[in-house]
Protein backbone atom coordinates (compact mmCIF):
# COMPACT_ATOMS: atom_id res chain seq x y z
CA UNK A 1 11.88 -7.70 8.98
CA UNK A 2 14.02 -5.43 6.83
CA UNK A 3 13.61 -2.00 5.30
CA UNK A 4 13.54 -1.21 1.59
CA UNK A 5 13.76 2.06 -0.31
CA UNK A 6 13.78 3.01 -3.98
CA UNK A 7 13.83 6.27 -5.92
CA UNK A 8 12.72 6.67 -9.53
CA UNK A 9 14.78 9.65 -10.64
CA UNK A 10 12.65 11.28 -13.35
CA UNK A 11 14.24 14.69 -12.68
CA UNK A 12 17.75 13.27 -13.32
CA UNK A 13 19.13 14.96 -10.22
CA UNK A 14 21.59 13.62 -7.66
CA UNK A 15 19.78 11.18 -5.34
CA UNK A 16 22.51 9.37 -3.43
CA UNK A 17 22.27 11.48 -0.29
CA UNK A 18 18.47 11.12 -0.40
CA UNK A 19 18.89 7.35 -0.48
CA UNK A 20 21.27 7.43 2.46
CA UNK A 21 18.95 9.75 4.42
CA UNK A 22 15.96 7.54 3.69
CA UNK A 23 17.75 4.39 4.80
CA UNK A 24 18.84 6.09 8.02
CA UNK A 25 15.17 6.76 8.79
CA UNK A 26 14.47 3.03 8.26
CA UNK A 27 17.38 1.78 10.37
CA UNK A 28 14.99 0.69 13.13
CA UNK A 29 14.00 -2.11 10.72
CA UNK A 30 17.50 -3.56 10.61
CA UNK A 31 21.01 -2.74 11.79
CA UNK A 32 23.02 -5.75 10.57
CA UNK A 33 23.91 -4.30 7.18
CA UNK A 34 22.78 -1.93 4.45
CA UNK A 35 23.37 -1.09 0.82
CA UNK A 36 22.43 1.06 -2.17
CA UNK A 37 22.53 0.24 -5.87
CA UNK A 38 21.97 2.45 -8.89
CA UNK A 39 21.64 1.00 -12.38
CA UNK A 40 25.43 0.85 -12.55
CA UNK A 41 27.09 0.98 -9.12
CA UNK A 42 26.50 -0.66 -5.74
CA UNK A 43 27.79 0.11 -2.25
CA UNK A 44 27.36 -2.05 0.84
CA UNK A 45 28.48 -2.06 4.45
CA UNK A 46 27.94 -3.83 7.74
CA UNK A 47 26.03 -1.88 10.35
CA UNK A 48 24.08 1.35 10.01
CA UNK A 49 23.25 3.38 6.92
CA UNK A 50 25.27 6.35 8.20
CA UNK A 51 28.43 4.30 7.58
CA UNK A 52 27.79 3.90 3.84
CA UNK A 53 30.58 5.40 1.73
CA UNK A 54 28.60 7.18 -0.97
CA UNK A 55 31.56 8.92 -2.62
CA UNK A 56 31.58 6.31 -5.42
CA UNK A 57 27.87 6.78 -6.13
CA UNK A 58 27.69 10.40 -7.22
CA UNK A 59 25.96 9.68 -10.51
CA UNK A 60 22.51 10.87 -11.64
CA UNK A 61 21.11 7.49 -12.58
CA UNK A 62 17.55 6.62 -13.59
CA UNK A 63 16.84 4.72 -10.39
CA UNK A 64 18.20 3.55 -7.05
CA UNK A 65 17.28 0.78 -4.61
CA UNK A 66 18.42 0.44 -1.01
CA UNK A 67 18.05 -1.92 1.93
CA UNK A 68 18.64 -2.22 5.67
CA UNK A 69 18.90 -5.77 6.95
CA UNK A 70 17.71 -7.62 10.00
CA UNK A 71 18.81 -11.21 9.49
CA UNK A 72 16.09 -13.86 9.69
CA UNK A 73 18.04 -16.76 8.22
CA UNK A 74 21.55 -17.67 7.24
CA UNK A 75 24.87 -16.10 8.19
CA UNK A 76 25.81 -12.49 7.56
CA UNK A 77 28.43 -12.14 4.84
CA UNK A 78 29.04 -9.55 2.15
CA UNK A 79 27.29 -11.53 -0.57
CA UNK A 80 23.99 -11.63 1.35
CA UNK A 81 23.98 -7.89 2.02
CA UNK A 82 21.31 -6.35 -0.18
CA UNK A 83 20.79 -5.10 -2.82
CA UNK A 84 21.49 -8.46 -4.48
CA UNK A 85 23.03 -7.68 -7.88
CA UNK A 86 23.47 -9.91 -10.93
CA UNK A 87 25.51 -8.40 -13.75
CA UNK A 88 26.18 -10.24 -17.02
CA UNK A 89 27.63 -8.32 -19.95
CA UNK A 90 25.13 -5.50 -20.67
CA UNK A 91 22.45 -6.93 -18.38
CA UNK A 92 22.22 -5.87 -14.74
CA UNK A 93 19.48 -6.30 -12.15
CA UNK A 94 19.52 -5.23 -8.50
CA UNK A 95 16.89 -6.51 -6.07
CA UNK A 96 15.85 -5.61 -2.52
CA UNK A 97 13.44 -7.76 -0.53
CA UNK A 98 11.63 -7.52 2.79
CA UNK A 99 9.90 -10.69 3.94
CA UNK A 100 10.52 -14.41 3.81
CA UNK A 101 10.00 -16.83 0.90
CA UNK A 102 8.74 -20.18 2.20
CA UNK A 103 8.89 -22.35 -0.96
CA UNK A 104 12.63 -22.11 -1.57
CA UNK A 105 12.97 -25.83 -2.39
CA UNK A 106 10.40 -25.52 -5.16
CA UNK A 107 12.20 -22.47 -6.58
CA UNK A 108 15.50 -24.37 -6.54
CA UNK A 109 13.83 -27.14 -8.56
CA UNK A 110 12.60 -24.61 -11.12
CA UNK A 111 16.06 -23.08 -11.44
CA UNK A 112 17.71 -26.50 -11.77
CA UNK A 113 15.24 -27.61 -14.45
CA UNK A 114 15.79 -24.47 -16.50
CA UNK A 115 19.56 -24.24 -16.20
CA UNK A 116 20.70 -27.82 -15.53
CA UNK A 117 22.87 -26.33 -12.80
CA UNK A 118 22.51 -27.28 -9.14
CA UNK A 119 23.64 -24.57 -6.78
CA UNK A 120 23.29 -23.81 -3.09
CA UNK A 121 21.97 -20.39 -2.12
CA UNK A 122 22.74 -18.66 1.15
CA UNK A 123 19.31 -17.11 1.54
CA UNK A 124 15.94 -16.61 -0.14
CA UNK A 125 16.77 -13.15 -1.51
CA UNK A 126 19.73 -14.45 -3.53
CA UNK A 127 17.55 -17.32 -4.75
CA UNK A 128 14.70 -15.12 -6.01
CA UNK A 129 17.13 -12.73 -7.70
CA UNK A 130 18.63 -15.68 -9.59
CA UNK A 131 15.14 -16.87 -10.54
CA UNK A 132 14.14 -13.46 -11.91
CA UNK A 133 17.35 -13.19 -13.92
CA UNK A 134 16.64 -16.57 -15.55
CA UNK A 135 13.06 -15.61 -16.45
CA UNK A 136 14.15 -12.28 -17.93
CA UNK A 137 16.88 -13.87 -20.04
CA UNK A 138 14.51 -16.54 -21.33
CA UNK A 139 12.34 -13.77 -22.80
CA UNK A 140 15.21 -11.79 -24.23
CA UNK A 141 18.92 -12.22 -23.60
CA UNK A 142 19.19 -8.44 -24.00
CA UNK A 143 16.94 -7.52 -21.07
CA UNK A 144 16.75 -3.80 -21.77
CA UNK A 145 14.99 -4.59 -25.07
CA UNK A 146 12.06 -6.37 -23.41
CA UNK A 147 8.68 -4.96 -24.43
CA UNK A 148 6.09 -3.99 -21.83
CA UNK A 149 4.03 -7.07 -22.67
CA UNK A 150 7.04 -9.35 -22.36
CA UNK A 151 7.86 -7.82 -18.99
CA UNK A 152 4.28 -8.37 -17.84
CA UNK A 153 4.56 -12.05 -18.81
CA UNK A 154 7.80 -12.39 -16.84
CA UNK A 155 6.37 -10.68 -13.76
CA UNK A 156 3.22 -12.80 -13.79
CA UNK A 157 5.24 -16.02 -13.95
CA UNK A 158 7.70 -14.76 -11.33
CA UNK A 159 4.95 -13.65 -9.00
CA UNK A 160 3.16 -16.98 -9.17
CA UNK A 161 6.34 -18.87 -8.33
CA UNK A 162 6.82 -16.98 -5.04
CA UNK A 163 5.13 -18.04 -1.82
CA UNK A 164 5.43 -16.28 1.52
CA UNK A 165 5.79 -12.63 2.44
CA UNK A 166 7.50 -10.22 0.10
CA UNK A 167 7.81 -6.57 -0.68
CA UNK A 168 10.30 -6.43 -3.55
CA UNK A 169 11.81 -3.66 -5.67
CA UNK A 170 14.01 -4.38 -8.68
CA UNK A 171 15.97 -1.94 -10.81
CA UNK A 172 16.88 -3.17 -14.31
CA UNK A 173 19.63 -1.37 -16.20
CA UNK A 174 18.30 0.42 -19.25
CA UNK A 175 14.72 -0.66 -18.60
CA UNK A 176 13.24 0.61 -15.34
CA UNK A 177 11.98 -0.32 -11.88
CA UNK A 178 9.48 -2.94 -10.71
CA UNK A 179 7.85 -2.93 -7.26
CA UNK A 180 5.65 -5.77 -6.02
CA UNK A 181 3.87 -6.78 -2.83
CA UNK A 182 2.58 -10.22 -1.88
CA UNK A 183 -1.12 -11.13 -2.11
CA UNK A 184 -1.76 -10.62 1.61
CA UNK A 185 0.29 -7.44 2.00
CA UNK A 186 2.10 -9.01 4.95
CA UNK A 187 5.06 -6.64 4.81
CA UNK A 188 4.45 -2.90 4.29
CA UNK A 189 5.16 -0.90 1.15
CA UNK A 190 4.12 2.61 0.19
CA UNK A 191 4.54 5.13 -2.61
CA UNK A 192 5.46 8.82 -2.55
CA UNK A 193 6.14 11.56 -5.07
CA UNK A 194 7.86 14.95 -5.00
CA UNK A 195 7.17 18.18 -6.89
CA UNK A 196 9.75 17.26 -9.57
CA UNK A 197 7.87 14.08 -10.49
CA UNK A 198 10.31 11.71 -8.81
CA UNK A 199 8.85 8.70 -7.04
CA UNK A 200 9.92 7.00 -3.83
CA UNK A 201 8.98 3.52 -2.66
CA UNK A 202 9.49 2.75 1.02
CA UNK A 203 8.68 0.23 3.71
CA UNK A 204 7.28 3.05 5.82
CA UNK A 205 5.92 6.57 5.41
CA UNK A 206 8.51 7.97 7.85
CA UNK A 207 11.16 7.83 5.08
CA UNK A 208 8.82 9.56 2.62
CA UNK A 209 8.29 12.37 5.15
CA UNK A 210 12.00 12.75 5.92
CA UNK A 211 12.82 13.10 2.19
CA UNK A 212 10.11 15.77 1.67
CA UNK A 213 8.11 13.66 -0.74
CA UNK A 214 4.38 13.45 -0.21
CA UNK A 215 2.67 10.17 0.53
CA UNK A 216 0.43 9.02 -2.33
CA UNK A 217 -0.79 5.64 -1.14
CA UNK A 218 0.14 2.15 0.00
CA UNK A 219 1.02 -0.36 -2.67
CA UNK A 220 -1.84 -2.82 -2.56
CA UNK A 221 -1.63 -6.55 -1.80
CA UNK A 222 -0.99 -8.40 -5.05
CA UNK A 223 -0.03 -5.19 -6.86
CA UNK A 224 2.95 -4.68 -9.14
CA UNK A 225 3.94 -1.18 -10.26
CA UNK A 226 6.17 -0.99 -13.32
CA UNK A 227 8.17 2.19 -13.93
CA UNK A 228 9.55 2.14 -17.47
CA UNK A 229 12.43 4.57 -18.00
CA UNK A 230 11.26 7.82 -19.63
CA UNK A 231 7.66 6.62 -19.68
CA UNK A 232 4.53 6.57 -17.52
CA UNK A 233 4.24 3.86 -14.90
CA UNK A 234 1.52 1.24 -15.00
CA UNK A 235 0.04 -1.32 -12.62
CA UNK A 236 -0.71 -5.04 -12.55
CA UNK A 237 -2.88 -6.85 -10.02
CA UNK A 238 -2.98 -10.48 -8.92
CA UNK A 239 -6.36 -12.10 -8.37
CA UNK A 240 -7.40 -13.38 -4.93
CA UNK A 241 -5.48 -10.64 -3.15
CA UNK A 242 -6.67 -9.45 0.26
CA UNK A 243 -5.14 -7.17 2.89
CA UNK A 244 -3.97 -9.24 5.89
CA UNK A 245 -0.82 -7.50 7.14
CA UNK A 246 1.49 -8.64 9.92
CA UNK A 247 0.04 -7.32 13.18
CA UNK A 248 3.53 -7.19 14.72
CA UNK A 249 4.33 -4.24 12.44
CA UNK A 250 1.95 -2.16 14.56
CA UNK A 251 3.09 -3.64 17.87
CA UNK A 252 6.87 -3.39 17.42
CA UNK A 253 8.52 -3.12 14.03
CA UNK A 254 7.29 0.17 12.58
CA UNK A 255 8.41 3.62 13.65
CA UNK A 256 5.78 5.45 15.68
CA UNK A 257 5.47 8.36 13.24
CA UNK A 258 4.72 6.04 10.30
CA UNK A 259 1.43 5.02 8.77
CA UNK A 260 1.16 1.35 7.82
CA UNK A 261 -1.69 0.49 5.45
CA UNK A 262 -3.01 4.01 6.08
CA UNK A 263 -3.21 3.36 9.83
CA UNK A 264 -1.29 5.57 12.27
CA UNK A 265 1.22 3.53 14.26
CA UNK A 266 1.23 6.11 17.05
CA UNK A 267 -2.56 6.08 17.36
CA UNK A 268 -2.61 2.27 17.26
CA UNK A 269 -0.08 1.97 20.06
CA UNK A 270 -1.91 4.49 22.22
CA UNK A 271 -5.18 2.60 21.76
CA UNK A 272 -3.30 -0.62 22.43
CA UNK A 273 -2.41 0.90 25.80
CA UNK A 274 -6.05 1.78 26.46
CA UNK A 275 -7.04 -1.85 25.82
CA UNK A 276 -4.22 -3.09 28.00
CA UNK A 277 -5.14 -0.69 30.80
CA UNK A 278 -8.71 -1.97 30.87
CA UNK A 279 -7.46 -5.56 31.07
CA UNK A 280 -5.07 -4.67 33.91
CA UNK A 281 -8.00 -3.17 35.83
CA UNK A 282 -9.87 -6.44 35.47
CA UNK A 283 -6.97 -8.63 36.61
CA UNK A 284 -4.99 -6.59 39.15
CA UNK A 285 -5.80 -4.53 42.22
CA UNK A 286 -4.50 -1.28 40.76
CA UNK A 287 -4.25 0.30 44.20
CA UNK A 288 -1.14 -1.87 44.58
CA UNK A 289 0.56 -0.15 41.61
CA UNK A 290 2.56 3.00 42.37
CA UNK A 291 4.19 3.83 39.03
CA UNK A 292 4.02 2.77 35.38
CA UNK A 293 7.38 2.47 33.60
CA UNK A 294 7.67 1.84 29.84
CA UNK A 295 10.53 -0.05 28.25
CA UNK A 296 11.73 2.56 25.73
CA UNK A 297 11.08 3.31 22.96
CA UNK A 298 8.23 1.39 21.33
CA UNK A 299 6.37 0.85 24.59
CA UNK A 300 6.33 4.50 25.63
CA UNK A 301 3.16 5.28 23.70
CA UNK A 302 1.49 2.06 24.89
CA UNK A 303 2.29 3.08 28.48
CA UNK A 304 0.66 6.49 27.93
CA UNK A 305 -2.59 4.69 27.11
CA UNK A 306 -2.23 2.43 30.15
CA UNK A 307 -1.72 5.43 32.43
CA UNK A 308 -4.75 7.19 30.97
CA UNK A 309 -6.93 4.25 32.06
CA UNK A 310 -5.25 3.44 35.40
CA UNK A 311 -4.71 7.09 36.41
CA UNK A 312 -1.25 6.19 37.66
CA UNK A 313 1.99 8.19 37.30
CA UNK A 314 3.88 7.70 34.03
CA UNK A 315 7.57 7.52 34.95
CA UNK A 316 10.57 7.31 32.62
CA UNK A 317 12.36 5.02 35.05
CA UNK A 318 14.42 3.32 32.32
CA UNK A 319 16.83 5.44 30.30
CA UNK A 320 17.91 4.18 26.89
CA UNK A 321 21.23 4.48 25.13
CA UNK A 322 20.02 5.14 21.57
CA UNK A 323 23.18 3.78 19.97
CA UNK A 324 22.65 0.10 20.82
CA UNK A 325 20.81 -2.14 18.34
CA UNK A 326 17.35 -3.55 19.06
CA UNK A 327 17.69 -6.63 21.27
CA UNK A 328 14.72 -8.48 19.73
CA UNK A 329 16.94 -8.81 16.66
CA UNK A 330 19.62 -10.66 18.66
CA UNK A 331 19.57 -14.44 18.77
CA UNK A 332 22.08 -15.06 21.56
CA UNK A 333 21.16 -14.62 25.26
CA UNK A 334 24.67 -13.58 26.28
CA UNK A 335 24.62 -10.86 23.61
CA UNK A 336 21.19 -9.76 24.83
CA UNK A 337 22.35 -9.63 28.45
CA UNK A 338 25.40 -7.52 27.63
CA UNK A 339 23.46 -5.22 25.35
CA UNK A 340 20.67 -4.69 27.90
CA UNK A 341 23.31 -3.43 30.35
CA UNK A 342 24.66 -1.11 27.70
CA UNK A 343 21.25 -0.09 26.43
CA UNK A 344 19.17 0.54 29.59
CA UNK A 345 19.83 2.02 32.99
CA UNK A 346 17.41 2.50 35.90
CA UNK A 347 16.59 5.79 37.63
CA UNK A 348 16.81 4.31 41.10
CA UNK A 349 14.92 7.12 42.84
CA UNK A 350 11.85 6.41 40.68
CA UNK A 351 11.57 2.72 41.64
CA UNK A 352 13.04 2.39 45.13
CA UNK A 353 10.39 1.22 47.59
CA UNK A 354 7.63 1.27 44.95
CA UNK A 355 5.36 -1.26 43.31
CA UNK A 356 6.26 -1.04 39.62
CA UNK A 357 4.22 -1.89 36.53
CA UNK A 358 6.58 -2.39 33.59
CA UNK A 359 4.96 -1.96 30.17
CA UNK A 360 6.63 -3.53 27.14
CA UNK A 361 5.44 -3.95 23.56
CA UNK A 362 5.85 -7.73 23.74
CA UNK A 363 7.41 -10.58 25.69
CA UNK A 364 8.94 -13.01 23.22
CA UNK A 365 11.73 -15.20 24.55
CA UNK A 366 11.66 -13.49 27.93
CA UNK A 367 15.43 -12.88 27.93
CA UNK A 368 15.15 -9.12 27.71
CA UNK A 369 12.25 -9.01 30.19
CA UNK A 370 14.15 -11.01 32.81
CA UNK A 371 17.14 -8.69 32.64
CA UNK A 372 14.97 -5.56 32.91
CA UNK A 373 13.04 -7.00 35.87
CA UNK A 374 16.30 -7.89 37.61
CA UNK A 375 17.56 -4.32 37.13
CA UNK A 376 14.33 -2.87 38.56
CA UNK A 377 14.49 -5.18 41.58
CA UNK A 378 18.19 -4.46 42.16
CA UNK A 379 17.27 -0.77 42.27
CA UNK A 380 15.09 -1.45 45.32
CA UNK A 381 11.55 -1.85 44.00
CA UNK A 382 8.89 -3.74 45.91
CA UNK A 383 6.52 -5.84 43.80
CA UNK A 384 6.95 -5.90 40.03
CA UNK A 385 4.15 -6.39 37.50
CA UNK A 386 4.61 -6.69 33.76
CA UNK A 387 2.13 -5.85 30.99
CA UNK A 388 2.60 -6.71 27.31
CA UNK A 389 1.03 -4.73 24.46
CA UNK A 390 1.14 -7.93 22.41
CA UNK A 391 -0.73 -11.16 23.14
CA UNK A 392 1.37 -14.17 24.26
CA UNK A 393 3.83 -15.20 21.53
CA UNK A 394 3.29 -18.96 21.20
CA UNK A 395 4.63 -20.12 17.82
CA UNK A 396 7.49 -19.61 15.36
CA UNK A 397 6.92 -17.29 12.43
CA UNK A 398 7.65 -18.08 8.77
CA UNK A 399 7.15 -14.60 7.36
CA UNK A 400 10.27 -12.69 8.35
CA UNK A 401 10.50 -12.70 12.16
CA UNK A 402 13.46 -14.53 13.73
CA UNK A 403 11.81 -17.16 15.96
CA UNK A 404 13.15 -20.58 14.89
CA UNK A 405 11.51 -22.85 17.50
CA UNK A 406 8.64 -22.89 19.99
CA UNK A 407 10.89 -23.90 22.88
CA UNK A 408 12.54 -20.45 22.78
CA UNK A 409 9.24 -18.71 23.55
CA UNK A 410 8.54 -18.08 27.22
CA UNK A 411 4.73 -18.31 26.86
CA UNK A 412 4.68 -21.42 24.68
CA UNK A 413 3.33 -24.44 26.58
CA UNK A 414 3.27 -22.57 29.90
CA UNK A 415 0.56 -21.17 32.14
CA UNK A 416 0.55 -17.50 33.15
CA UNK A 417 1.69 -18.57 36.65
CA UNK A 418 4.66 -20.42 35.17
CA UNK A 419 5.61 -17.37 33.09
CA UNK A 420 5.35 -15.17 36.20
CA UNK A 421 7.61 -17.54 38.15
CA UNK A 422 10.24 -17.56 35.39
CA UNK A 423 10.18 -13.77 35.16
CA UNK A 424 10.12 -13.40 38.94
CA UNK A 425 7.13 -11.04 39.06
CA UNK A 426 3.80 -10.85 40.86
CA UNK A 427 1.61 -10.70 37.74
CA UNK A 428 1.91 -10.73 33.94
CA UNK A 429 -0.87 -9.28 31.78
CA UNK A 430 -1.14 -9.68 28.01
CA UNK A 431 -3.35 -7.85 25.54
CA UNK A 432 -6.15 -9.82 23.91
CA UNK A 433 -5.58 -10.75 20.25
CA UNK A 434 -9.18 -10.39 19.11
CA UNK A 435 -9.63 -7.01 20.79
CA UNK A 436 -6.34 -5.80 19.33
CA UNK A 437 -7.24 -6.95 15.81
CA UNK A 438 -10.69 -5.37 15.95
CA UNK A 439 -9.26 -2.07 17.17
CA UNK A 440 -6.78 -1.78 14.28
CA UNK A 441 -9.37 -2.78 11.67
CA UNK A 442 -11.55 0.11 12.84
CA UNK A 443 -8.92 2.47 11.36
CA UNK A 444 -8.98 0.81 7.92
CA UNK A 445 -12.03 -1.13 6.82
CA UNK A 446 -10.04 -2.65 3.94
CA UNK A 447 -8.02 -4.75 6.40
CA UNK A 448 -9.68 -8.17 6.29
CA UNK A 449 -7.56 -9.78 8.97
CA UNK A 450 -3.94 -10.11 10.10
CA UNK A 451 -0.96 -12.41 9.83
CA UNK A 452 -1.00 -13.69 13.45
CA UNK A 453 0.63 -17.13 13.23
CA UNK A 454 3.04 -16.23 16.04
CA UNK A 455 0.01 -15.84 18.34
CA UNK A 456 -2.31 -18.60 17.18
CA UNK A 457 -2.46 -21.48 14.72
């Protein structure tokens, strides 16, 4: 999971602050690093978008691309911070990518065959930028002179070499911008426009809203949009494309005020809570529950739905420090433990002597859940129950979510009773995958299914 942003600057006005503002609104999608590139200049930094030094980027270029990173593979170093830029004489391309390419060995073979050079690449984004640069140069060593038909040929070949999840935007100096989404639409990507005729491409609609553009539509699975400088844009479509987005976008990744594939994230999470509430009623004597406490922020809306069904008090018993990064993104338990203490505190008066139902969006490794449960118990609660908006997470994911192995997952290979014992709670309740999928599809009939490999094989 990362966040991408691009602006096609048809009005030739200053866009750097817009880029920075847009990336700040996408920072929930990644806090490791961020960057912006115009056709001529790039800036990068570790951490949040607000720390970008934009003083060197005060030009009025044709286009800009930006990125916020949540690392899914490889180490974090300056050369893997996106945008990934390749500059050779007059040629320059800058690429941003959200997703995960799963056929990297095959792409390395293609590159080696075409260049007779064997190189190691730190991550998939660097690899696919190198591949694109090779394909462009094979058509014309002066890339900005490529015709529209030549560019279409390059994009078709490039697209068919990529396997996995990808939402990609590329800016090419002197030529234009290319945006593409994989055939299943696993990672989100949408298009907006302002009154001046400028376009914005974003992972989520929240950035489009913040920048005062209006949302036009989602970029379709298998679609490529080509924005030629000083010309109208045009579209290409890959055959056999079907909308099967990652369901975890709705559960956790996306901001609650966004629409993903024309489906309200807020509405989805509220209905997720309604489903979860009905399941809790079937599995638990709800007279034993005194209060419902969400784990902020994503779970707050889910908990509202749960409370609607259970008719139990909604209590903000956990207070969040908004300046600590999302702990799901962290791979180390000691880091998670320290950050949970920094991130969340308990309102003791709201839990002391009470039976508490904790509502979270998901229970993945269980590290975060264990620390929260311990805090609630230390504050003097009686029995603790835990409800998950997501189904049990059972398998690693190859499409951009950092879960390397099954053994890290608390629900994998364990019964519900074993999970409850590890967490130290009276009962754990998970949402049902089929019910959840059906509910979201009701909001967009074009959704044919979901990427759910972390929940079932």
